[in-house]
Amino acid sequence: MTHQTDLSFRHIIDVEEVRQLLLDIHVEVRGGFGMMDRPFNAVERFGERLSTYAARPGWKTVIAYHGDEPVGYTFATPLGPDTRWWEGTEPSLPDHCTKETGSRTLALNEILVRAPWRGTGSARRLHDELLAGRREERVTLLVNPETADGRLQAVYESWGYRQIATQQPFPDSPVFAAMLRPLHLV
């Protein structure tokens, strides 16, 4: 196990610089949990989603390293005025909650940490590094409430997120818990 203070971070806005690394970590982590046989997690499907997210204005990834070894990554993009992020939520959310401007809400699309660094605080450090200096009012994410028997959702709750709805954004995706929190907690 690696101590959490041994991390450095790279901030990247051009997905092509790190596409293969993100795909490799996706396969390693999701494969380690036996999830690669699900169509939603197939490397091709993930690559399509990655391309879509990275094409949006403001997309950014942060990759954590221990020395030269990649630990994990996170990436996010601000929700634009034409976002479909909130479509299909159950229950339907009121307009005042779903109206986006491109600078109101940051969508945390992905956060993955490789096995040797799990349980070291690395995921939280990646999360906080990504949010540091951001100007949006709030941050949202989707989490499968069944992952790790609900423990992953509980981690996000401990970071200040609260579930506001459920959502299935793709026909082949799980039904996710849609979570939200202020970007900067007081």
Protein backbone atom coordinates (compact mmCIF):
# COMPACT_ATOMS: atom_id res chain seq x y z
CA MET A 1 0.00 0.00 0.00
CA THR A 2 1.26 3.46 -0.88
CA HIS A 3 1.02 6.45 1.43
CA GLN A 4 -1.30 9.14 0.14
CA THR A 5 1.18 12.01 0.48
CA ASP A 6 3.41 10.50 -2.20
CA LEU A 7 1.25 11.80 -5.05
CA SER A 8 1.84 14.37 -7.75
CA PHE A 9 -0.82 15.57 -10.18
CA ARG A 10 -0.99 16.37 -13.89
CA HIS A 11 -3.79 18.60 -15.18
CA ILE A 12 -4.62 17.96 -18.83
CA ILE A 13 -7.15 19.52 -21.19
CA ASP A 14 -6.23 17.62 -24.38
CA VAL A 15 -7.60 14.10 -24.12
CA GLU A 16 -5.35 12.86 -26.92
CA GLU A 17 -2.30 13.34 -24.67
CA VAL A 18 -3.64 10.72 -22.25
CA ARG A 19 -6.40 8.78 -24.04
CA GLN A 20 -4.61 5.44 -23.98
CA LEU A 21 -3.66 5.83 -20.33
CA LEU A 22 -7.28 6.56 -19.37
CA LEU A 23 -8.48 3.57 -21.40
CA ASP A 24 -5.85 1.30 -19.82
CA ILE A 25 -6.77 2.35 -16.28
CA HIS A 26 -10.47 1.93 -17.10
CA VAL A 27 -9.87 -1.66 -18.25
CA GLU A 28 -7.60 -2.47 -15.30
CA VAL A 29 -9.91 -1.07 -12.61
CA ARG A 30 -13.26 -2.14 -14.05
CA GLY A 31 -11.78 -5.50 -15.04
CA GLY A 32 -10.55 -5.99 -11.49
CA PHE A 33 -14.13 -5.64 -10.32
CA GLY A 34 -15.40 -8.05 -13.00
CA MET A 35 -17.28 -5.30 -14.83
CA MET A 36 -15.76 -5.45 -18.32
CA ASP A 37 -18.31 -7.97 -19.57
CA ARG A 38 -21.07 -5.37 -19.23
CA PRO A 39 -21.71 -3.56 -22.55
CA PHE A 40 -21.73 -0.16 -20.82
CA ASN A 41 -18.18 -0.74 -19.56
CA ALA A 42 -16.76 -2.14 -22.80
CA VAL A 43 -13.63 -0.24 -23.75
CA GLU A 44 -15.21 0.93 -27.02
CA ARG A 45 -18.26 2.35 -25.20
CA PHE A 46 -16.09 4.03 -22.61
CA GLY A 47 -13.91 5.46 -25.39
CA GLU A 48 -17.02 6.92 -27.07
CA ARG A 49 -18.16 8.55 -23.83
CA LEU A 50 -14.65 9.86 -23.18
CA SER A 51 -14.56 11.47 -26.63
CA THR A 52 -17.98 13.05 -26.08
CA TYR A 53 -17.06 14.44 -22.66
CA ALA A 54 -13.65 15.68 -23.81
CA ALA A 55 -15.19 17.53 -26.76
CA ARG A 56 -17.19 19.76 -24.43
CA PRO A 57 -15.89 23.19 -23.46
CA GLY A 58 -13.99 23.15 -20.18
CA TRP A 59 -13.25 19.40 -20.03
CA LYS A 60 -10.30 18.59 -17.81
CA THR A 61 -8.65 15.49 -16.41
CA VAL A 62 -6.36 15.19 -13.43
CA ILE A 63 -4.06 12.19 -13.23
CA ALA A 64 -2.34 11.25 -9.98
CA TYR A 65 1.13 9.73 -10.02
CA HIS A 66 3.32 8.02 -7.46
CA GLY A 67 6.71 8.69 -8.96
CA ASP A 68 6.27 7.70 -12.61
CA GLU A 69 3.46 5.23 -11.86
CA PRO A 70 -0.11 6.38 -12.59
CA VAL A 71 -2.34 5.99 -9.53
CA GLY A 72 -5.68 6.98 -11.03
CA TYR A 73 -7.58 9.77 -12.70
CA THR A 74 -10.66 11.92 -12.58
CA PHE A 75 -12.25 14.07 -15.24
CA ALA A 76 -15.10 16.54 -15.42
CA THR A 77 -16.76 19.13 -17.60
CA PRO A 78 -19.06 22.08 -16.89
CA LEU A 79 -22.69 21.56 -17.88
CA GLY A 80 -23.61 23.84 -20.78
CA PRO A 81 -26.97 25.52 -21.37
CA ASP A 82 -27.93 22.75 -23.83
CA THR A 83 -26.96 19.86 -21.52
CA ARG A 84 -29.03 16.72 -21.38
CA TRP A 85 -27.48 15.75 -18.02
CA TRP A 86 -30.70 16.19 -16.05
CA GLU A 87 -33.02 14.47 -18.56
CA GLY A 88 -34.80 11.40 -17.31
CA THR A 89 -34.24 11.96 -13.62
CA GLU A 90 -36.72 10.31 -11.27
CA PRO A 91 -38.31 12.23 -9.81
CA SER A 92 -38.18 15.02 -12.39
CA LEU A 93 -36.26 17.93 -10.98
CA PRO A 94 -37.63 21.48 -11.02
CA ASP A 95 -36.33 23.96 -13.60
CA HIS A 96 -34.51 26.02 -10.98
CA CYS A 97 -32.40 22.93 -10.23
CA THR A 98 -31.68 21.94 -13.84
CA LYS A 99 -31.12 25.30 -15.57
CA GLU A 100 -27.48 25.37 -16.63
CA THR A 101 -25.31 28.22 -17.87
CA GLY A 102 -21.95 26.61 -18.59
CA SER A 103 -20.57 27.95 -15.32
CA ARG A 104 -23.13 26.80 -12.73
CA THR A 105 -22.48 23.06 -12.41
CA LEU A 106 -19.42 20.87 -12.88
CA ALA A 107 -20.21 17.28 -13.87
CA LEU A 108 -17.70 14.86 -12.37
CA ASN A 109 -17.79 12.18 -15.04
CA GLU A 110 -15.26 9.68 -13.79
CA ILE A 111 -12.91 8.90 -10.92
CA LEU A 112 -10.88 5.69 -10.81
CA VAL A 113 -7.98 4.59 -8.61
CA ARG A 114 -5.81 1.55 -9.25
CA ALA A 115 -5.82 -1.26 -6.66
CA PRO A 116 -2.48 -0.57 -4.92
CA TRP A 117 -3.66 2.93 -3.96
CA ARG A 118 -7.22 2.19 -2.85
CA GLY A 119 -7.90 2.95 0.77
CA THR A 120 -5.08 5.51 0.94
CA GLY A 121 -7.15 8.66 0.39
CA SER A 122 -5.96 8.91 -3.22
CA ALA A 123 -9.48 9.15 -4.65
CA ARG A 124 -10.33 12.02 -2.32
CA ARG A 125 -7.09 13.79 -3.18
CA LEU A 126 -7.81 13.42 -6.91
CA HIS A 127 -11.33 14.76 -6.34
CA ASP A 128 -10.12 17.73 -4.34
CA GLU A 129 -7.32 18.49 -6.82
CA LEU A 130 -9.86 18.57 -9.66
CA LEU A 131 -12.19 20.91 -7.74
CA ALA A 132 -9.47 23.26 -6.47
CA GLY A 133 -9.71 26.65 -8.13
CA ARG A 134 -12.96 25.83 -9.96
CA ARG A 135 -15.54 28.61 -10.09
CA GLU A 136 -18.76 26.67 -10.58
CA GLU A 137 -21.34 26.81 -7.78
CA ARG A 138 -21.86 23.07 -7.46
CA VAL A 139 -20.68 19.67 -8.61
CA THR A 140 -22.74 16.65 -9.62
CA LEU A 141 -21.94 13.02 -10.24
CA LEU A 142 -23.67 9.74 -11.00
CA VAL A 143 -22.86 6.63 -8.98
CA ASN A 144 -24.20 3.11 -9.23
CA PRO A 145 -25.75 2.56 -5.78
CA GLU A 146 -25.07 -1.18 -6.09
CA THR A 147 -21.30 -0.78 -6.51
CA ALA A 148 -19.53 -2.29 -3.51
CA ASP A 149 -22.92 -2.89 -1.87
CA GLY A 150 -23.50 0.85 -1.56
CA ARG A 151 -20.14 1.66 -0.01
CA LEU A 152 -19.05 3.81 -2.95
CA GLN A 153 -22.15 5.97 -2.66
CA ALA A 154 -21.49 6.25 1.09
CA VAL A 155 -17.98 7.54 0.32
CA TYR A 156 -19.45 10.31 -1.85
CA GLU A 157 -21.93 11.12 0.90
CA SER A 158 -19.01 11.47 3.33
CA TRP A 159 -17.53 13.99 0.85
CA GLY A 160 -20.69 16.13 1.10
CA TYR A 161 -22.75 14.82 -1.83
CA ARG A 162 -26.44 14.05 -1.42
CA GLN A 163 -28.67 12.04 -3.69
CA ILE A 164 -31.30 14.17 -5.43
CA ALA A 165 -32.73 11.66 -7.93
CA THR A 166 -32.04 8.51 -9.91
CA GLN A 167 -31.18 8.42 -13.57
CA GLN A 168 -30.37 6.01 -16.38
CA PRO A 169 -28.57 8.18 -18.96
CA PHE A 170 -27.94 5.39 -21.49
CA PRO A 171 -30.02 2.32 -22.36
CA ASP A 172 -27.08 0.04 -21.43
CA SER A 173 -26.09 1.90 -18.25
CA PRO A 174 -27.10 1.07 -14.71
CA VAL A 175 -29.66 3.20 -12.92
CA PHE A 176 -27.47 5.69 -11.11
CA ALA A 177 -27.95 7.80 -8.02
CA ALA A 178 -27.69 11.43 -9.16
CA MET A 179 -25.76 13.30 -6.48
CA LEU A 180 -25.06 16.98 -5.93
CA ARG A 181 -23.08 19.18 -3.53
CA PRO A 182 -21.83 22.75 -3.38
CA LEU A 183 -18.49 22.96 -5.18
CA HIS A 184 -16.71 24.38 -2.15
CA LEU A 185 -17.88 23.19 1.22
CA VAL A 186 -17.77 25.70 4.04
